[in-house]
Amino acid sequence: MKIRRATVLDAKSLAQVEQTQPLSAHWGEKGFCTEIPQAASQIWCAEEGENLIGFAALRFTAGFGELLNVAVRPEFCRQGIGFKLISRLINQVLEGGGEQITLEVNIRNRAAIALYSKAGFCEVGRREKFYNGTDDALIMSRNL
């Protein structure tokens, strides 16, 4: 498996991976095309051979990172790929002199919450009915 920085040429493949995870952010191809060129954005993707199998997106500014979107194709889940991608983002923030990373996750997304906890994130708050007016968002943070 190879991890590399995503380019706009990856937008369609990123959107296809994202569609495999019902609780992901659902940016779609257009959203990735908009996000990738942003100066404060970093999207890292995992490849197996020629196939894009996962990604993690970060916005990093003023010493703080925000993990925005993470997805791994279901057939590659539970193989450490999400953890490796998140670790890459953490290292990027550390290398940039960052102090903290935060994220929001749907309270129903137990697999993601477990992954983020394993990566050292802790619950710091909630936003009630944040997703579609029904599901709470769990706010998690990690100091570096």
N, C-alpha and C. Protein backbone atom coordinates (compact mmCIF):
# COMPACT_ATOMS: atom_id res chain seq x y z
N MET A 1 0.84 -1.19 0.00
CA MET A 1 0.00 0.00 0.00
C MET A 1 0.88 1.24 0.00
N LYS A 2 0.45 2.23 -0.75
CA LYS A 2 1.17 3.49 -0.86
C LYS A 2 0.25 4.62 -0.40
N ILE A 3 0.81 5.58 0.35
CA ILE A 3 0.06 6.77 0.74
C ILE A 3 0.71 7.96 0.05
N ARG A 4 -0.13 8.77 -0.60
CA ARG A 4 0.38 9.94 -1.31
C ARG A 4 -0.65 11.07 -1.24
N ARG A 5 -0.19 12.25 -1.56
CA ARG A 5 -1.06 13.42 -1.58
C ARG A 5 -1.99 13.34 -2.80
N ALA A 6 -3.25 13.62 -2.60
CA ALA A 6 -4.23 13.59 -3.68
C ALA A 6 -4.10 14.82 -4.57
N THR A 7 -4.48 14.65 -5.82
CA THR A 7 -4.55 15.76 -6.77
C THR A 7 -5.98 15.85 -7.30
N VAL A 8 -6.26 16.91 -8.02
CA VAL A 8 -7.60 17.08 -8.59
C VAL A 8 -7.94 15.91 -9.52
N LEU A 9 -6.94 15.31 -10.13
CA LEU A 9 -7.18 14.16 -11.00
C LEU A 9 -7.75 12.96 -10.23
N ASP A 10 -7.62 12.97 -8.91
CA ASP A 10 -8.14 11.88 -8.07
C ASP A 10 -9.58 12.11 -7.64
N ALA A 11 -10.16 13.26 -7.94
CA ALA A 11 -11.47 13.64 -7.40
C ALA A 11 -12.55 12.58 -7.64
N LYS A 12 -12.62 12.04 -8.84
CA LYS A 12 -13.65 11.05 -9.14
C LYS A 12 -13.45 9.79 -8.29
N SER A 13 -12.22 9.31 -8.18
CA SER A 13 -11.93 8.12 -7.38
C SER A 13 -12.18 8.37 -5.89
N LEU A 14 -11.83 9.56 -5.42
CA LEU A 14 -12.09 9.92 -4.02
C LEU A 14 -13.59 9.89 -3.74
N ALA A 15 -14.38 10.45 -4.65
CA ALA A 15 -15.83 10.46 -4.49
C ALA A 15 -16.39 9.04 -4.50
N GLN A 16 -15.82 8.17 -5.33
CA GLN A 16 -16.29 6.79 -5.37
C GLN A 16 -16.00 6.08 -4.04
N VAL A 17 -14.84 6.32 -3.46
CA VAL A 17 -14.53 5.73 -2.16
C VAL A 17 -15.49 6.28 -1.11
N GLU A 18 -15.69 7.58 -1.13
CA GLU A 18 -16.57 8.23 -0.16
C GLU A 18 -17.99 7.65 -0.20
N GLN A 19 -18.48 7.34 -1.40
CA GLN A 19 -19.83 6.81 -1.56
C GLN A 19 -20.00 5.44 -0.91
N THR A 20 -18.91 4.74 -0.66
CA THR A 20 -19.01 3.41 -0.04
C THR A 20 -19.26 3.49 1.46
N GLN A 21 -19.14 4.69 2.03
CA GLN A 21 -19.32 4.87 3.48
C GLN A 21 -20.51 5.79 3.73
N PRO A 22 -21.63 5.25 4.18
CA PRO A 22 -22.85 6.05 4.31
C PRO A 22 -22.76 7.21 5.29
N LEU A 23 -21.83 7.16 6.25
CA LEU A 23 -21.74 8.23 7.24
C LEU A 23 -20.57 9.18 6.97
N SER A 24 -20.01 9.13 5.77
CA SER A 24 -18.93 10.07 5.42
C SER A 24 -19.53 11.44 5.12
N ALA A 25 -18.68 12.41 4.83
CA ALA A 25 -19.13 13.79 4.62
C ALA A 25 -19.89 13.99 3.31
N HIS A 26 -19.72 13.12 2.34
CA HIS A 26 -20.41 13.18 1.05
C HIS A 26 -20.15 14.49 0.30
N TRP A 27 -18.88 14.78 0.07
CA TRP A 27 -18.50 15.95 -0.72
C TRP A 27 -18.81 15.74 -2.20
N GLY A 28 -18.67 14.53 -2.66
CA GLY A 28 -18.84 14.27 -4.09
C GLY A 28 -17.64 14.78 -4.88
N GLU A 29 -17.63 14.46 -6.15
CA GLU A 29 -16.49 14.83 -7.01
C GLU A 29 -16.27 16.34 -7.03
N LYS A 30 -17.34 17.10 -7.13
CA LYS A 30 -17.22 18.56 -7.16
C LYS A 30 -16.61 19.10 -5.86
N GLY A 31 -17.02 18.54 -4.74
CA GLY A 31 -16.46 18.97 -3.46
C GLY A 31 -14.96 18.71 -3.36
N PHE A 32 -14.53 17.56 -3.85
CA PHE A 32 -13.10 17.27 -3.84
C PHE A 32 -12.34 18.21 -4.77
N CYS A 33 -12.91 18.49 -5.94
CA CYS A 33 -12.27 19.43 -6.87
C CYS A 33 -12.12 20.82 -6.26
N THR A 34 -13.06 21.20 -5.42
CA THR A 34 -13.01 22.49 -4.74
C THR A 34 -12.00 22.46 -3.59
N GLU A 35 -11.98 21.38 -2.82
CA GLU A 35 -11.16 21.31 -1.62
C GLU A 35 -9.66 21.10 -1.90
N ILE A 36 -9.33 20.25 -2.84
CA ILE A 36 -7.92 19.88 -3.08
C ILE A 36 -7.02 21.09 -3.33
N PRO A 37 -7.43 22.07 -4.16
CA PRO A 37 -6.51 23.18 -4.42
C PRO A 37 -6.39 24.22 -3.30
N GLN A 38 -7.22 24.12 -2.29
CA GLN A 38 -7.19 25.11 -1.20
C GLN A 38 -5.84 25.05 -0.48
N ALA A 39 -5.26 26.22 -0.21
CA ALA A 39 -3.93 26.29 0.40
C ALA A 39 -3.87 25.60 1.77
N ALA A 40 -4.94 25.67 2.53
CA ALA A 40 -4.93 25.10 3.87
C ALA A 40 -5.36 23.63 3.90
N SER A 41 -5.69 23.08 2.75
CA SER A 41 -6.21 21.71 2.69
C SER A 41 -5.14 20.70 2.29
N GLN A 42 -5.27 19.52 2.85
CA GLN A 42 -4.45 18.38 2.46
C GLN A 42 -5.35 17.16 2.41
N ILE A 43 -5.31 16.46 1.31
CA ILE A 43 -6.02 15.19 1.21
C ILE A 43 -4.98 14.15 0.84
N TRP A 44 -4.89 13.14 1.66
CA TRP A 44 -3.95 12.05 1.44
C TRP A 44 -4.75 10.81 1.07
N CYS A 45 -4.26 10.07 0.11
CA CYS A 45 -4.99 8.88 -0.31
C CYS A 45 -4.10 7.64 -0.21
N ALA A 46 -4.76 6.52 0.01
CA ALA A 46 -4.10 5.22 0.06
C ALA A 46 -4.41 4.49 -1.23
N GLU A 47 -3.38 3.89 -1.80
CA GLU A 47 -3.53 3.13 -3.04
C GLU A 47 -3.02 1.72 -2.85
N GLU A 48 -3.73 0.80 -3.45
CA GLU A 48 -3.30 -0.59 -3.54
C GLU A 48 -3.18 -0.87 -5.02
N GLY A 49 -1.94 -1.01 -5.50
CA GLY A 49 -1.73 -1.11 -6.94
C GLY A 49 -2.15 0.20 -7.58
N GLU A 50 -3.04 0.14 -8.54
CA GLU A 50 -3.54 1.34 -9.22
C GLU A 50 -4.87 1.83 -8.65
N ASN A 51 -5.36 1.16 -7.60
CA ASN A 51 -6.69 1.46 -7.06
C ASN A 51 -6.61 2.33 -5.81
N LEU A 52 -7.37 3.42 -5.83
CA LEU A 52 -7.49 4.27 -4.65
C LEU A 52 -8.45 3.58 -3.69
N ILE A 53 -7.99 3.29 -2.47
CA ILE A 53 -8.80 2.51 -1.54
C ILE A 53 -9.22 3.27 -0.29
N GLY A 54 -8.68 4.47 -0.09
CA GLY A 54 -9.05 5.25 1.08
C GLY A 54 -8.45 6.64 1.02
N PHE A 55 -8.94 7.52 1.88
CA PHE A 55 -8.41 8.88 1.95
C PHE A 55 -8.71 9.49 3.32
N ALA A 56 -7.98 10.54 3.61
CA ALA A 56 -8.24 11.36 4.79
C ALA A 56 -7.96 12.81 4.41
N ALA A 57 -8.85 13.71 4.83
CA ALA A 57 -8.75 15.12 4.47
C ALA A 57 -8.56 15.97 5.72
N LEU A 58 -7.70 16.97 5.58
CA LEU A 58 -7.33 17.84 6.69
C LEU A 58 -7.33 19.29 6.21
N ARG A 59 -7.75 20.18 7.08
CA ARG A 59 -7.53 21.61 6.88
C ARG A 59 -6.64 22.07 8.02
N PHE A 60 -5.54 22.73 7.69
CA PHE A 60 -4.56 23.14 8.69
C PHE A 60 -4.26 24.62 8.54
N THR A 61 -4.55 25.37 9.60
CA THR A 61 -4.32 26.80 9.58
C THR A 61 -4.11 27.31 11.00
N ALA A 62 -3.23 28.30 11.12
CA ALA A 62 -2.96 28.97 12.40
C ALA A 62 -2.63 28.00 13.53
N GLY A 63 -1.89 26.94 13.21
CA GLY A 63 -1.45 25.99 14.23
C GLY A 63 -2.47 24.94 14.63
N PHE A 64 -3.61 24.94 13.97
CA PHE A 64 -4.66 23.98 14.32
C PHE A 64 -5.12 23.21 13.08
N GLY A 65 -5.32 21.92 13.27
CA GLY A 65 -5.81 21.07 12.21
C GLY A 65 -7.25 20.66 12.46
N GLU A 66 -7.99 20.49 11.39
CA GLU A 66 -9.34 19.96 11.48
C GLU A 66 -9.44 18.79 10.52
N LEU A 67 -9.67 17.62 11.06
CA LEU A 67 -9.87 16.44 10.24
C LEU A 67 -11.29 16.53 9.68
N LEU A 68 -11.39 16.56 8.36
CA LEU A 68 -12.67 16.86 7.72
C LEU A 68 -13.43 15.65 7.19
N ASN A 69 -12.71 14.66 6.69
CA ASN A 69 -13.39 13.60 5.97
C ASN A 69 -12.44 12.41 5.86
N VAL A 70 -12.91 11.23 6.19
CA VAL A 70 -12.10 10.01 6.11
C VAL A 70 -13.00 8.90 5.58
N ALA A 71 -12.48 8.11 4.66
CA ALA A 71 -13.22 6.94 4.18
C ALA A 71 -12.24 5.91 3.64
N VAL A 72 -12.58 4.65 3.85
CA VAL A 72 -11.83 3.52 3.32
C VAL A 72 -12.86 2.57 2.72
N ARG A 73 -12.55 2.03 1.54
CA ARG A 73 -13.46 1.06 0.91
C ARG A 73 -13.74 -0.08 1.90
N PRO A 74 -14.99 -0.53 1.99
CA PRO A 74 -15.36 -1.55 2.99
C PRO A 74 -14.49 -2.81 2.93
N GLU A 75 -14.12 -3.25 1.74
CA GLU A 75 -13.33 -4.48 1.65
C GLU A 75 -11.90 -4.31 2.18
N PHE A 76 -11.50 -3.06 2.47
CA PHE A 76 -10.17 -2.80 3.02
C PHE A 76 -10.22 -2.30 4.47
N CYS A 77 -11.43 -2.23 5.03
CA CYS A 77 -11.57 -1.79 6.42
C CYS A 77 -10.96 -2.82 7.37
N ARG A 78 -10.60 -2.35 8.54
CA ARG A 78 -10.03 -3.18 9.61
C ARG A 78 -8.67 -3.77 9.23
N GLN A 79 -7.95 -3.04 8.36
CA GLN A 79 -6.59 -3.45 7.98
C GLN A 79 -5.57 -2.38 8.35
N GLY A 80 -5.99 -1.38 9.12
CA GLY A 80 -5.07 -0.33 9.58
C GLY A 80 -4.89 0.82 8.60
N ILE A 81 -5.63 0.82 7.51
CA ILE A 81 -5.46 1.86 6.49
C ILE A 81 -5.93 3.22 7.01
N GLY A 82 -7.10 3.27 7.63
CA GLY A 82 -7.60 4.52 8.19
C GLY A 82 -6.65 5.07 9.24
N PHE A 83 -6.11 4.20 10.07
CA PHE A 83 -5.17 4.62 11.11
C PHE A 83 -3.90 5.21 10.47
N LYS A 84 -3.40 4.57 9.43
CA LYS A 84 -2.20 5.08 8.75
C LYS A 84 -2.46 6.44 8.11
N LEU A 85 -3.63 6.60 7.52
CA LEU A 85 -3.97 7.89 6.91
C LEU A 85 -4.09 8.98 7.97
N ILE A 86 -4.75 8.69 9.07
CA ILE A 86 -4.88 9.68 10.14
C ILE A 86 -3.52 9.99 10.74
N SER A 87 -2.69 8.98 10.90
CA SER A 87 -1.33 9.21 11.41
C SER A 87 -0.55 10.15 10.49
N ARG A 88 -0.74 9.99 9.18
CA ARG A 88 -0.08 10.89 8.23
C ARG A 88 -0.53 12.33 8.46
N LEU A 89 -1.84 12.52 8.66
CA LEU A 89 -2.35 13.87 8.90
C LEU A 89 -1.79 14.45 10.20
N ILE A 90 -1.74 13.63 11.23
CA ILE A 90 -1.18 14.09 12.51
C ILE A 90 0.27 14.53 12.31
N ASN A 91 1.05 13.74 11.58
CA ASN A 91 2.44 14.10 11.32
C ASN A 91 2.55 15.39 10.52
N GLN A 92 1.65 15.61 9.58
CA GLN A 92 1.66 16.84 8.79
C GLN A 92 1.44 18.05 9.70
N VAL A 93 0.51 17.93 10.63
CA VAL A 93 0.24 19.03 11.56
C VAL A 93 1.44 19.24 12.48
N LEU A 94 2.01 18.16 12.98
CA LEU A 94 3.21 18.28 13.83
C LEU A 94 4.35 18.96 13.09
N GLU A 95 4.60 18.53 11.86
CA GLU A 95 5.67 19.12 11.06
C GLU A 95 5.43 20.59 10.78
N GLY A 96 4.17 21.00 10.73
CA GLY A 96 3.82 22.39 10.51
C GLY A 96 3.78 23.20 11.79
N GLY A 97 4.17 22.60 12.91
CA GLY A 97 4.18 23.30 14.19
C GLY A 97 2.82 23.39 14.84
N GLY A 98 1.90 22.52 14.44
CA GLY A 98 0.54 22.56 14.98
C GLY A 98 0.45 22.14 16.43
N GLU A 99 -0.61 22.57 17.06
CA GLU A 99 -0.82 22.32 18.48
C GLU A 99 -1.98 21.38 18.77
N GLN A 100 -2.93 21.30 17.84
CA GLN A 100 -4.15 20.56 18.12
C GLN A 100 -4.84 20.16 16.82
N ILE A 101 -5.55 19.04 16.88
CA ILE A 101 -6.41 18.61 15.77
C ILE A 101 -7.78 18.31 16.35
N THR A 102 -8.82 18.76 15.66
CA THR A 102 -10.19 18.49 16.08
C THR A 102 -10.95 17.81 14.94
N LEU A 103 -12.10 17.27 15.28
CA LEU A 103 -12.96 16.64 14.28
C LEU A 103 -14.37 16.55 14.82
N GLU A 104 -15.30 16.34 13.92
CA GLU A 104 -16.68 16.04 14.27
C GLU A 104 -17.04 14.72 13.62
N VAL A 105 -17.79 13.90 14.33
CA VAL A 105 -18.17 12.60 13.81
C VAL A 105 -19.61 12.30 14.24
N ASN A 106 -20.35 11.69 13.36
CA ASN A 106 -21.71 11.29 13.68
C ASN A 106 -21.68 10.29 14.84
N ILE A 107 -22.47 10.53 15.84
CA ILE A 107 -22.50 9.70 17.04
C ILE A 107 -22.82 8.23 16.72
N ARG A 108 -23.47 8.00 15.57
CA ARG A 108 -23.78 6.62 15.15
C ARG A 108 -22.60 5.90 14.50
N ASN A 109 -21.55 6.65 14.17
CA ASN A 109 -20.42 6.07 13.46
C ASN A 109 -19.41 5.48 14.46
N ARG A 110 -19.80 4.37 15.04
CA ARG A 110 -19.00 3.73 16.09
C ARG A 110 -17.61 3.30 15.61
N ALA A 111 -17.51 2.82 14.38
CA ALA A 111 -16.21 2.40 13.86
C ALA A 111 -15.26 3.59 13.77
N ALA A 112 -15.76 4.73 13.29
CA ALA A 112 -14.92 5.93 13.19
C ALA A 112 -14.53 6.43 14.58
N ILE A 113 -15.46 6.43 15.51
CA ILE A 113 -15.15 6.88 16.87
C ILE A 113 -14.06 6.00 17.49
N ALA A 114 -14.15 4.70 17.29
CA ALA A 114 -13.12 3.79 17.79
C ALA A 114 -11.77 4.08 17.14
N LEU A 115 -11.77 4.33 15.83
CA LEU A 115 -10.54 4.65 15.11
C LEU A 115 -9.92 5.94 15.65
N TYR A 116 -10.73 6.97 15.82
CA TYR A 116 -10.22 8.25 16.31
C TYR A 116 -9.71 8.11 17.75
N SER A 117 -10.39 7.35 18.57
CA SER A 117 -9.92 7.11 19.94
C SER A 117 -8.58 6.41 19.92
N LYS A 118 -8.43 5.41 19.06
CA LYS A 118 -7.15 4.69 18.93
C LYS A 118 -6.03 5.65 18.52
N ALA A 119 -6.37 6.65 17.72
CA ALA A 119 -5.39 7.63 17.25
C ALA A 119 -5.14 8.74 18.27
N GLY A 120 -5.75 8.64 19.45
CA GLY A 120 -5.46 9.59 20.53
C GLY A 120 -6.44 10.74 20.67
N PHE A 121 -7.56 10.69 19.96
CA PHE A 121 -8.56 11.75 20.08
C PHE A 121 -9.49 11.44 21.25
N CYS A 122 -9.92 12.51 21.93
CA CYS A 122 -10.83 12.38 23.07
C CYS A 122 -12.07 13.24 22.84
N GLU A 123 -13.19 12.79 23.37
CA GLU A 123 -14.43 13.55 23.27
C GLU A 123 -14.31 14.85 24.06
N VAL A 124 -14.69 15.97 23.42
CA VAL A 124 -14.65 17.26 24.11
C VAL A 124 -16.01 17.97 24.06
N GLY A 125 -16.97 17.42 23.34
CA GLY A 125 -18.29 18.05 23.29
C GLY A 125 -19.20 17.37 22.29
N ARG A 126 -20.41 17.92 22.19
CA ARG A 126 -21.41 17.40 21.25
C ARG A 126 -22.19 18.55 20.66
N ARG A 127 -22.68 18.31 19.44
CA ARG A 127 -23.61 19.23 18.80
C ARG A 127 -24.89 18.43 18.56
N GLU A 128 -25.94 18.83 19.25
CA GLU A 128 -27.19 18.09 19.16
C GLU A 128 -27.83 18.25 17.78
N LYS A 129 -28.32 17.13 17.28
CA LYS A 129 -29.05 17.08 16.01
C LYS A 129 -28.31 17.81 14.88
N PHE A 130 -27.01 17.65 14.83
CA PHE A 130 -26.15 18.34 13.87
C PHE A 130 -26.29 17.75 12.46
N TYR A 131 -26.42 16.44 12.37
CA TYR A 131 -26.51 15.78 11.08
C TYR A 131 -27.97 15.55 10.71
N ASN A 132 -28.41 16.21 9.64
CA ASN A 132 -29.77 16.07 9.11
C ASN A 132 -30.85 16.37 10.14
N GLY A 133 -30.51 17.14 11.15
CA GLY A 133 -31.49 17.50 12.18
C GLY A 133 -31.88 16.35 13.09
N THR A 134 -31.15 15.23 13.01
CA THR A 134 -31.50 14.08 13.85
C THR A 134 -30.32 13.53 14.66
N ASP A 135 -29.16 13.37 14.03
CA ASP A 135 -28.02 12.74 14.71
C ASP A 135 -27.09 13.77 15.32
N ASP A 136 -26.64 13.48 16.54
CA ASP A 136 -25.68 14.35 17.21
C ASP A 136 -24.29 14.19 16.59
N ALA A 137 -23.52 15.27 16.65
CA ALA A 137 -22.11 15.22 16.27
C ALA A 137 -21.29 15.15 17.54
N LEU A 138 -20.38 14.23 17.58
CA LEU A 138 -19.42 14.12 18.67
C LEU A 138 -18.21 14.93 18.26
N ILE A 139 -17.78 15.85 19.09
CA ILE A 139 -16.59 16.66 18.81
C ILE A 139 -15.43 16.01 19.56
N MET A 140 -14.36 15.73 18.83
CA MET A 140 -13.19 15.08 19.41
C MET A 140 -11.96 15.94 19.12
N SER A 141 -10.96 15.83 19.98
CA SER A 141 -9.77 16.65 19.85
C SER A 141 -8.54 15.87 20.30
N ARG A 142 -7.41 16.27 19.76
CA ARG A 142 -6.13 15.70 20.19
C ARG A 142 -5.12 16.84 20.26
N ASN A 143 -4.52 17.03 21.44
CA ASN A 143 -3.44 17.99 21.58
C ASN A 143 -2.15 17.33 21.14
N LEU A 144 -1.27 18.09 20.51
CA LEU A 144 -0.02 17.54 19.99
C LEU A 144 1.17 17.96 20.83
